[in-house]
Amino acid sequence: MIIQSSADVQPGRDIRVFVVGKKIIGAVLRKSDNDFRANFTLGGTAEWYELSQSEKETIQTIINHFDFGMVGIDFLIDHTGRLLFNEMEDVVGSRTLSEVSEVNILKEYIKLIKHSLKIDK
């Protein structure tokens, strides 16, 4: 566990990166002007977030250390815009991704499951 001062981050802002297997599927910027938490279900908003190459490389380094199906990796944002690892959630809800993009993460997850079960259809 790491405890960090909330003064080091932008309150009410975070990035959720959606991952299936070892593949980054997409990312959203979640925002709230009323709460330090940016959760969509708590009244926050979401928009597509284009990860930089450097951010993708950092996230891929994290992903490469784990074997999981579908996860969300959440990052807080410091005052310079740098991502700070916050948490990882397995079988994460994907409402925000569906809301801001045409990405079908469930289709990607089913493909991964079928591949792991060696089902071709």
C-alpha atoms as a PDB file:
ATOM      1  CA  MET A   1       0.000   0.000   0.000  1.00  0.00           C
ATOM      2  CA  ILE A   2       1.214   3.475  -0.854  1.00  0.00           C
ATOM      3  CA  ILE A   3      -0.318   6.526   0.753  1.00  0.00           C
ATOM      4  CA  GLN A   4       0.110   9.763  -1.143  1.00  0.00           C
ATOM      5  CA  SER A   5      -1.068  13.274  -0.442  1.00  0.00           C
ATOM      6  CA  SER A   6      -4.083  14.282  -2.512  1.00  0.00           C
ATOM      7  CA  ALA A   7      -2.348  17.635  -3.049  1.00  0.00           C
ATOM      8  CA  ASP A   8      -0.081  15.804  -5.530  1.00  0.00           C
ATOM      9  CA  VAL A   9      -2.922  14.960  -7.937  1.00  0.00           C
ATOM     10  CA  GLN A  10      -5.694  16.679  -9.839  1.00  0.00           C
ATOM     11  CA  PRO A  11      -8.841  16.054  -7.781  1.00  0.00           C
ATOM     12  CA  GLY A  12     -11.801  14.644  -9.685  1.00  0.00           C
ATOM     13  CA  ARG A  13      -9.679  13.475 -12.636  1.00  0.00           C
ATOM     14  CA  ASP A  14      -8.434  10.027 -13.522  1.00  0.00           C
ATOM     15  CA  ILE A  15      -7.685   7.814 -16.483  1.00  0.00           C
ATOM     16  CA  ARG A  16      -9.110   4.306 -16.798  1.00  0.00           C
ATOM     17  CA  VAL A  17      -7.306   2.044 -19.245  1.00  0.00           C
ATOM     18  CA  PHE A  18      -9.259  -0.994 -20.439  1.00  0.00           C
ATOM     19  CA  VAL A  19      -7.197  -4.125 -21.070  1.00  0.00           C
ATOM     20  CA  VAL A  20      -8.106  -7.550 -22.439  1.00  0.00           C
ATOM     21  CA  GLY A  21      -5.393 -10.171 -22.048  1.00  0.00           C
ATOM     22  CA  LYS A  22      -2.157  -8.394 -22.939  1.00  0.00           C
ATOM     23  CA  LYS A  23      -3.822  -5.804 -25.198  1.00  0.00           C
ATOM     24  CA  ILE A  24      -4.739  -2.202 -24.412  1.00  0.00           C
ATOM     25  CA  ILE A  25      -8.261  -1.745 -25.750  1.00  0.00           C
ATOM     26  CA  GLY A  26      -8.809   1.938 -24.973  1.00  0.00           C
ATOM     27  CA  ALA A  27      -8.763   4.628 -22.327  1.00  0.00           C
ATOM     28  CA  VAL A  28     -11.141   7.202 -20.923  1.00  0.00           C
ATOM     29  CA  LEU A  29     -10.585  10.389 -18.967  1.00  0.00           C
ATOM     30  CA  ARG A  30     -13.089  10.518 -16.128  1.00  0.00           C
ATOM     31  CA  LYS A  31     -13.923  13.892 -14.552  1.00  0.00           C
ATOM     32  CA  SER A  32     -15.968  15.284 -11.706  1.00  0.00           C
ATOM     33  CA  ASP A  33     -16.217  18.903 -10.656  1.00  0.00           C
ATOM     34  CA  ASN A  34     -18.175  17.966  -7.502  1.00  0.00           C
ATOM     35  CA  ASP A  35     -16.125  15.184  -5.937  1.00  0.00           C
ATOM     36  CA  PHE A  36     -12.513  14.054  -5.718  1.00  0.00           C
ATOM     37  CA  ARG A  37     -13.699  10.747  -7.224  1.00  0.00           C
ATOM     38  CA  ALA A  38     -14.402  10.810 -10.941  1.00  0.00           C
ATOM     39  CA  ASN A  39     -16.644   7.740 -11.082  1.00  0.00           C
ATOM     40  CA  PHE A  40     -19.236   7.807 -13.854  1.00  0.00           C
ATOM     41  CA  THR A  41     -21.834   6.256 -11.523  1.00  0.00           C
ATOM     42  CA  LEU A  42     -21.288   9.089  -9.024  1.00  0.00           C
ATOM     43  CA  GLY A  43     -22.180  11.757 -11.584  1.00  0.00           C
ATOM     44  CA  GLY A  44     -18.800  12.134 -13.260  1.00  0.00           C
ATOM     45  CA  THR A  45     -18.341  12.514 -16.989  1.00  0.00           C
ATOM     46  CA  ALA A  46     -16.119  10.609 -19.367  1.00  0.00           C
ATOM     47  CA  GLU A  47     -14.371  11.265 -22.650  1.00  0.00           C
ATOM     48  CA  TRP A  48     -12.072   9.264 -24.896  1.00  0.00           C
ATOM     49  CA  TYR A  49      -8.426   9.595 -23.898  1.00  0.00           C
ATOM     50  CA  GLU A  50      -5.678   9.068 -26.455  1.00  0.00           C
ATOM     51  CA  LEU A  51      -2.711   7.483 -24.695  1.00  0.00           C
ATOM     52  CA  SER A  52       0.726   8.766 -25.632  1.00  0.00           C
ATOM     53  CA  GLN A  53       3.357   6.279 -26.779  1.00  0.00           C
ATOM     54  CA  SER A  54       5.167   6.700 -23.464  1.00  0.00           C
ATOM     55  CA  GLU A  55       1.962   6.011 -21.511  1.00  0.00           C
ATOM     56  CA  LYS A  56       1.282   2.910 -23.636  1.00  0.00           C
ATOM     57  CA  GLU A  57       4.788   1.607 -22.939  1.00  0.00           C
ATOM     58  CA  THR A  58       4.373   2.117 -19.187  1.00  0.00           C
ATOM     59  CA  ILE A  59       0.982   0.408 -19.192  1.00  0.00           C
ATOM     60  CA  GLN A  60       2.310  -2.465 -21.307  1.00  0.00           C
ATOM     61  CA  THR A  61       5.077  -2.978 -18.737  1.00  0.00           C
ATOM     62  CA  ILE A  62       2.409  -3.364 -16.054  1.00  0.00           C
ATOM     63  CA  ILE A  63       0.305  -5.691 -18.230  1.00  0.00           C
ATOM     64  CA  ASN A  64       3.274  -7.933 -19.012  1.00  0.00           C
ATOM     65  CA  HIS A  65       3.602  -8.845 -15.318  1.00  0.00           C
ATOM     66  CA  PHE A  66       0.098 -10.302 -15.047  1.00  0.00           C
ATOM     67  CA  ASP A  67      -2.198 -12.845 -16.638  1.00  0.00           C
ATOM     68  CA  PHE A  68      -5.774 -11.654 -16.568  1.00  0.00           C
ATOM     69  CA  GLY A  69      -8.860 -11.583 -18.746  1.00  0.00           C
ATOM     70  CA  MET A  70     -10.425  -8.132 -18.710  1.00  0.00           C
ATOM     71  CA  VAL A  71      -9.274  -5.389 -16.362  1.00  0.00           C
ATOM     72  CA  GLY A  72      -9.374  -1.679 -15.855  1.00  0.00           C
ATOM     73  CA  ILE A  73      -6.186   0.002 -14.725  1.00  0.00           C
ATOM     74  CA  ASP A  74      -6.830   3.362 -13.093  1.00  0.00           C
ATOM     75  CA  PHE A  75      -4.350   6.187 -12.942  1.00  0.00           C
ATOM     76  CA  LEU A  76      -4.496   9.454 -11.053  1.00  0.00           C
ATOM     77  CA  ILE A  77      -3.068  12.491 -12.828  1.00  0.00           C
ATOM     78  CA  ASP A  78      -0.455  14.714 -11.238  1.00  0.00           C
ATOM     79  CA  HIS A  79      -0.297  18.467 -11.825  1.00  0.00           C
ATOM     80  CA  THR A  80       2.111  18.031 -14.739  1.00  0.00           C
ATOM     81  CA  GLY A  81      -0.217  15.547 -16.497  1.00  0.00           C
ATOM     82  CA  ARG A  82       1.837  12.468 -15.581  1.00  0.00           C
ATOM     83  CA  LEU A  83      -0.112   9.284 -14.842  1.00  0.00           C
ATOM     84  CA  LEU A  84       0.264   7.750 -11.377  1.00  0.00           C
ATOM     85  CA  PHE A  85      -0.843   4.143 -10.900  1.00  0.00           C
ATOM     86  CA  ASN A  86      -3.873   3.927  -8.625  1.00  0.00           C
ATOM     87  CA  GLU A  87      -5.538   0.514  -8.868  1.00  0.00           C
ATOM     88  CA  MET A  88      -6.395  -2.460 -11.032  1.00  0.00           C
ATOM     89  CA  GLU A  89      -9.935  -3.912 -11.202  1.00  0.00           C
ATOM     90  CA  ASP A  90     -10.717  -7.272 -12.758  1.00  0.00           C
ATOM     91  CA  VAL A  91     -13.783  -7.663 -14.972  1.00  0.00           C
ATOM     92  CA  VAL A  92     -14.222  -3.936 -14.725  1.00  0.00           C
ATOM     93  CA  GLY A  93     -17.413  -2.173 -15.783  1.00  0.00           C
ATOM     94  CA  SER A  94     -17.109  -0.685 -19.241  1.00  0.00           C
ATOM     95  CA  ARG A  95     -20.017   1.786 -19.420  1.00  0.00           C
ATOM     96  CA  THR A  96     -17.695   4.722 -19.906  1.00  0.00           C
ATOM     97  CA  LEU A  97     -15.851   3.074 -22.800  1.00  0.00           C
ATOM     98  CA  SER A  98     -19.168   2.218 -24.464  1.00  0.00           C
ATOM     99  CA  GLU A  99     -20.381   5.766 -23.864  1.00  0.00           C
ATOM    100  CA  VAL A 100     -17.421   7.493 -25.553  1.00  0.00           C
ATOM    101  CA  SER A 101     -16.410   5.061 -28.318  1.00  0.00           C
ATOM    102  CA  GLU A 102     -17.492   2.359 -30.725  1.00  0.00           C
ATOM    103  CA  VAL A 103     -15.107  -0.115 -29.075  1.00  0.00           C
ATOM    104  CA  ASN A 104     -16.795  -3.443 -28.313  1.00  0.00           C
ATOM    105  CA  ILE A 105     -14.718  -4.635 -25.370  1.00  0.00           C
ATOM    106  CA  LEU A 106     -17.031  -7.573 -24.694  1.00  0.00           C
ATOM    107  CA  LYS A 107     -16.375  -8.896 -28.198  1.00  0.00           C
ATOM    108  CA  GLU A 108     -12.634  -8.669 -27.481  1.00  0.00           C
ATOM    109  CA  TYR A 109     -13.105 -10.453 -24.161  1.00  0.00           C
ATOM    110  CA  ILE A 110     -15.146 -13.265 -25.742  1.00  0.00           C
ATOM    111  CA  LYS A 111     -12.435 -13.700 -28.410  1.00  0.00           C
ATOM    112  CA  LEU A 112      -9.841 -14.045 -25.642  1.00  0.00           C
ATOM    113  CA  ILE A 113     -11.978 -16.595 -23.793  1.00  0.00           C
ATOM    114  CA  LYS A 114     -12.588 -18.610 -26.962  1.00  0.00           C
ATOM    115  CA  HIS A 115      -8.878 -18.536 -27.787  1.00  0.00           C
ATOM    116  CA  SER A 116      -7.960 -19.706 -24.296  1.00  0.00           C
ATOM    117  CA  LEU A 117     -10.484 -22.557 -24.617  1.00  0.00           C
ATOM    118  CA  LYS A 118      -9.214 -23.248 -28.134  1.00  0.00           C
ATOM    119  CA  ILE A 119     -12.646 -22.685 -29.690  1.00  0.00           C
ATOM    120  CA  ASP A 120     -12.385 -21.570 -33.324  1.00  0.00           C
ATOM    121  CA  LYS A 121     -15.996 -20.519 -33.939  1.00  0.00           C
END
